[in-house]
N, C-alpha and C. Protein backbone atom coordinates (compact mmCIF):
# COMPACT_ATOMS: atom_id res chain seq x y z
N MET A 1 15.92 -18.89 -6.41
CA MET A 1 14.75 -18.15 -5.74
C MET A 1 13.81 -18.71 -4.48
N LEU A 2 13.60 -18.70 -3.37
CA LEU A 2 12.14 -18.92 -2.78
C LEU A 2 10.75 -18.39 -3.18
N VAL A 3 10.31 -18.60 -4.12
CA VAL A 3 8.74 -18.27 -4.47
C VAL A 3 7.70 -18.70 -2.95
N LEU A 4 7.18 -17.13 -2.97
CA LEU A 4 5.55 -17.57 -1.64
C LEU A 4 5.07 -17.04 -2.15
N SER A 5 3.58 -17.43 -1.71
CA SER A 5 2.15 -16.75 -1.78
C SER A 5 2.14 -16.15 -0.54
N ARG A 6 1.33 -14.92 -0.94
CA ARG A 6 0.56 -13.89 0.36
C ARG A 6 -0.66 -13.71 -0.13
N HIS A 7 -1.13 -13.11 1.28
CA HIS A 7 -2.36 -12.59 0.86
C HIS A 7 -2.12 -11.49 1.41
N ARG A 8 -3.54 -10.33 1.18
CA ARG A 8 -3.12 -8.64 1.76
C ARG A 8 -2.52 -8.99 3.50
N ASP A 9 -2.40 -8.25 3.95
CA ASP A 9 -1.63 -8.40 5.65
C ASP A 9 -1.26 -9.73 6.18
N GLU A 10 -0.57 -9.99 5.13
CA GLU A 10 -0.07 -11.82 5.22
C GLU A 10 1.64 -10.93 5.37
N SER A 11 2.74 -11.56 5.93
CA SER A 11 3.83 -11.24 5.81
C SER A 11 4.60 -12.57 6.27
N ILE A 12 6.13 -11.95 5.64
CA ILE A 12 6.74 -12.98 6.10
C ILE A 12 8.61 -12.75 6.60
N MET A 13 8.77 -13.53 7.47
CA MET A 13 9.66 -13.41 8.52
C MET A 13 11.21 -13.36 7.28
N ILE A 14 12.41 -12.45 7.71
CA ILE A 14 13.96 -13.04 6.75
C ILE A 14 14.37 -12.77 8.32
N GLY A 15 15.44 -14.39 8.63
CA GLY A 15 15.86 -13.96 9.48
C GLY A 15 15.04 -13.70 11.03
N ASP A 16 15.19 -13.30 11.79
CA ASP A 16 15.19 -12.64 13.63
C ASP A 16 15.06 -11.25 13.14
N ASP A 17 15.05 -10.47 12.41
CA ASP A 17 14.46 -9.55 12.64
C ASP A 17 14.19 -8.32 11.40
N VAL A 18 13.56 -8.98 10.59
CA VAL A 18 13.12 -8.28 8.83
C VAL A 18 11.65 -9.16 8.83
N VAL A 19 10.73 -8.34 8.61
CA VAL A 19 9.43 -8.50 8.63
C VAL A 19 9.10 -8.26 6.93
N VAL A 20 8.38 -8.75 6.36
CA VAL A 20 7.94 -7.54 4.91
C VAL A 20 6.62 -8.14 4.87
N THR A 21 5.40 -7.37 4.98
CA THR A 21 4.03 -7.48 5.05
C THR A 21 3.38 -7.38 3.42
N ILE A 22 2.53 -7.67 3.33
CA ILE A 22 2.26 -7.16 2.05
C ILE A 22 0.60 -6.48 2.49
N VAL A 23 1.29 -4.44 2.39
CA VAL A 23 0.40 -3.94 2.57
C VAL A 23 -0.82 -3.43 1.49
N ASP A 24 -0.57 -3.89 -0.31
CA ASP A 24 -1.91 -3.65 -0.71
C ASP A 24 -1.93 -4.31 -2.11
N ILE A 25 -2.08 -5.05 -2.55
CA ILE A 25 -2.27 -5.41 -4.00
C ILE A 25 -3.41 -4.90 -4.88
N ARG A 26 -2.31 -3.87 -5.77
CA ARG A 26 -3.76 -3.49 -6.88
C ARG A 26 -3.38 -3.89 -8.42
N GLY A 27 -3.71 -4.31 -8.74
CA GLY A 27 -3.53 -5.19 -10.31
C GLY A 27 -2.91 -5.96 -10.27
N ASP A 28 -1.71 -5.19 -10.96
CA ASP A 28 -0.10 -6.05 -10.94
C ASP A 28 0.38 -6.04 -10.08
N LYS A 29 0.65 -4.76 -9.68
CA LYS A 29 1.35 -4.26 -8.47
C LYS A 29 0.70 -4.00 -6.34
N VAL A 30 1.97 -4.72 -6.27
CA VAL A 30 1.76 -5.18 -4.39
C VAL A 30 2.79 -4.06 -4.04
N ARG A 31 1.89 -3.92 -3.08
CA ARG A 31 3.03 -2.61 -1.99
C ARG A 31 3.60 -3.59 -0.97
N LEU A 32 4.44 -3.69 -0.56
CA LEU A 32 5.44 -3.92 0.24
C LEU A 32 5.11 -3.27 1.46
N GLY A 33 5.24 -3.59 3.02
CA GLY A 33 6.00 -3.15 4.48
C GLY A 33 7.12 -3.86 4.66
N ILE A 34 8.74 -2.91 4.82
CA ILE A 34 9.25 -3.97 5.70
C ILE A 34 9.57 -3.09 7.06
N GLU A 35 9.46 -3.61 7.46
CA GLU A 35 10.10 -3.60 8.94
C GLU A 35 11.43 -4.27 9.22
N ALA A 36 12.71 -3.41 9.29
CA ALA A 36 14.17 -3.64 9.67
C ALA A 36 14.93 -2.86 10.59
N PRO A 37 16.03 -3.10 10.77
CA PRO A 37 16.73 -2.62 11.64
C PRO A 37 17.12 -1.97 10.96
N GLN A 38 17.66 -0.32 12.12
CA GLN A 38 18.20 0.89 10.62
C GLN A 38 19.59 0.11 10.58
N SER A 39 20.53 -0.55 11.09
CA SER A 39 21.63 -1.25 10.66
C SER A 39 21.76 -1.66 9.18
N ILE A 40 20.69 -2.18 9.10
CA ILE A 40 19.91 -2.64 7.77
C ILE A 40 19.84 -1.51 6.43
N PRO A 41 20.24 -1.49 5.17
CA PRO A 41 20.21 -0.74 4.60
C PRO A 41 18.52 -1.59 3.76
N VAL A 42 17.73 -0.75 3.28
CA VAL A 42 16.44 -1.51 2.06
C VAL A 42 16.98 0.01 0.93
N HIS A 43 16.54 -0.56 -0.25
CA HIS A 43 16.48 0.28 -0.69
C HIS A 43 15.18 -0.70 -2.26
N ARG A 44 15.29 -0.15 -3.43
CA ARG A 44 14.44 -1.01 -4.22
C ARG A 44 15.49 -1.16 -5.48
N GLN A 45 15.54 -2.05 -6.14
CA GLN A 45 16.69 -2.31 -6.74
C GLN A 45 17.88 -1.46 -7.58
N GLU A 46 17.32 -1.29 -8.28
CA GLU A 46 17.43 0.11 -8.87
C GLU A 46 17.81 1.23 -8.38
N VAL A 47 17.41 1.40 -6.92
CA VAL A 47 18.53 2.77 -6.95
C VAL A 47 19.97 1.87 -5.97
N TYR A 48 19.81 0.52 -5.22
CA TYR A 48 21.06 -0.04 -4.85
C TYR A 48 22.02 -0.04 -6.28
N ASP A 49 21.43 -0.18 -7.09
CA ASP A 49 22.65 -0.56 -8.32
C ASP A 49 22.66 0.62 -8.82
N ALA A 50 22.47 2.03 -8.59
CA ALA A 50 22.80 3.25 -8.77
C ALA A 50 23.75 3.19 -7.43
N ILE A 51 23.48 3.80 -6.35
CA ILE A 51 24.54 3.45 -5.31
C ILE A 51 25.65 2.31 -5.56
N GLN A 52 25.95 1.12 -6.33
CA GLN A 52 26.61 0.58 -6.79
C GLN A 52 28.02 1.15 -7.24
N ARG A 53 26.63 1.25 -8.73
CA ARG A 53 27.55 2.25 -9.78
C ARG A 53 28.20 3.14 -9.47
N GLU A 54 27.81 3.85 -8.43
CA GLU A 54 28.28 5.12 -7.57
C GLU A 54 29.91 5.12 -6.93
N ASN A 55 29.62 4.08 -5.66
CA ASN A 55 30.82 3.75 -5.42
C ASN A 55 31.92 3.13 -6.14
N ARG A 56 31.31 2.21 -7.12
CA ARG A 56 32.63 1.94 -7.77
C ARG A 56 33.49 2.92 -8.80
N ARG A 57 32.82 3.81 -9.17
CA ARG A 57 33.06 5.11 -9.78
C ARG A 57 33.66 6.07 -9.13
N ALA A 58 33.58 5.97 -7.72
CA ALA A 58 34.57 7.16 -6.84
C ALA A 58 35.63 6.00 -5.96
N THR A 59 35.85 4.71 -6.27
CA THR A 59 36.80 4.19 -5.83
C THR A 59 37.95 3.87 -7.45
N GLN A 60 37.08 4.34 -8.82
CA GLN A 60 37.63 4.00 -9.47
C GLN A 60 38.72 5.51 -9.71
N THR A 61 38.33 6.02 -9.72
CA THR A 61 38.73 7.92 -9.87
C THR A 61 40.30 7.90 -8.77
N GLY A 62 40.80 8.62 -9.96
CA GLY A 62 42.63 8.51 -9.70
C GLY A 62 43.03 9.14 -8.97
N THR A 63 44.49 8.93 -8.39
CA THR A 63 44.57 10.18 -7.01
C THR A 63 44.36 12.20 -7.29
N GLY A 64 45.03 11.71 -9.25
CA GLY A 64 44.50 12.96 -9.10
C GLY A 64 43.52 13.91 -8.62
N ALA A 65 42.92 13.46 -8.97
CA ALA A 65 41.17 14.37 -8.53
C ALA A 65 40.39 15.37 -7.82
N THR A 66 41.27 15.06 -6.72
CA THR A 66 41.31 16.03 -5.90
C THR A 66 42.41 16.74 -5.44
N LYS A 67 43.71 16.48 -6.44
CA LYS A 67 44.52 17.45 -6.27
C LYS A 67 44.47 19.42 -5.84
N ASP A 68 43.35 19.77 -6.78
CA ASP A 68 42.84 21.38 -7.19
C ASP A 68 41.93 21.58 -5.79
N VAL A 69 41.47 20.23 -4.56
CA VAL A 69 40.93 20.36 -3.58
C VAL A 69 41.23 21.34 -2.03
N GLN A 70 40.86 22.18 -2.17
CA GLN A 70 41.84 23.59 -1.03
C GLN A 70 41.35 23.02 0.47
N PRO A 71 41.83 22.98 1.35
CA PRO A 71 41.11 22.59 2.33
C PRO A 71 40.78 24.13 2.76
N PRO A 72 39.86 24.25 3.39
CA PRO A 72 38.54 24.91 4.29
C PRO A 72 39.28 25.85 5.07
N LYS A 73 39.05 27.44 4.70
CA LYS A 73 39.91 28.30 5.38
C LYS A 73 39.05 28.48 6.90
N ASN A 74 39.78 28.25 7.98
CA ASN A 74 38.97 28.78 9.00
C ASN A 74 38.76 30.39 9.21
């Protein structure tokens, strides 16, 4: 893990397209501003973990999970 020290309003670059800026520091909390292309998803770790769990659960669903689903009537 790379550990960097930054002050408020200072930034770091990740590759050529992602900029992380220290927006505010209050006590033990740091607010970050993240500029990234829309093609790069940016999530808090707990949200990312929940998405990964849900994706794993969805791929482990048996083939019978959708047998009662009826096509929409026009």
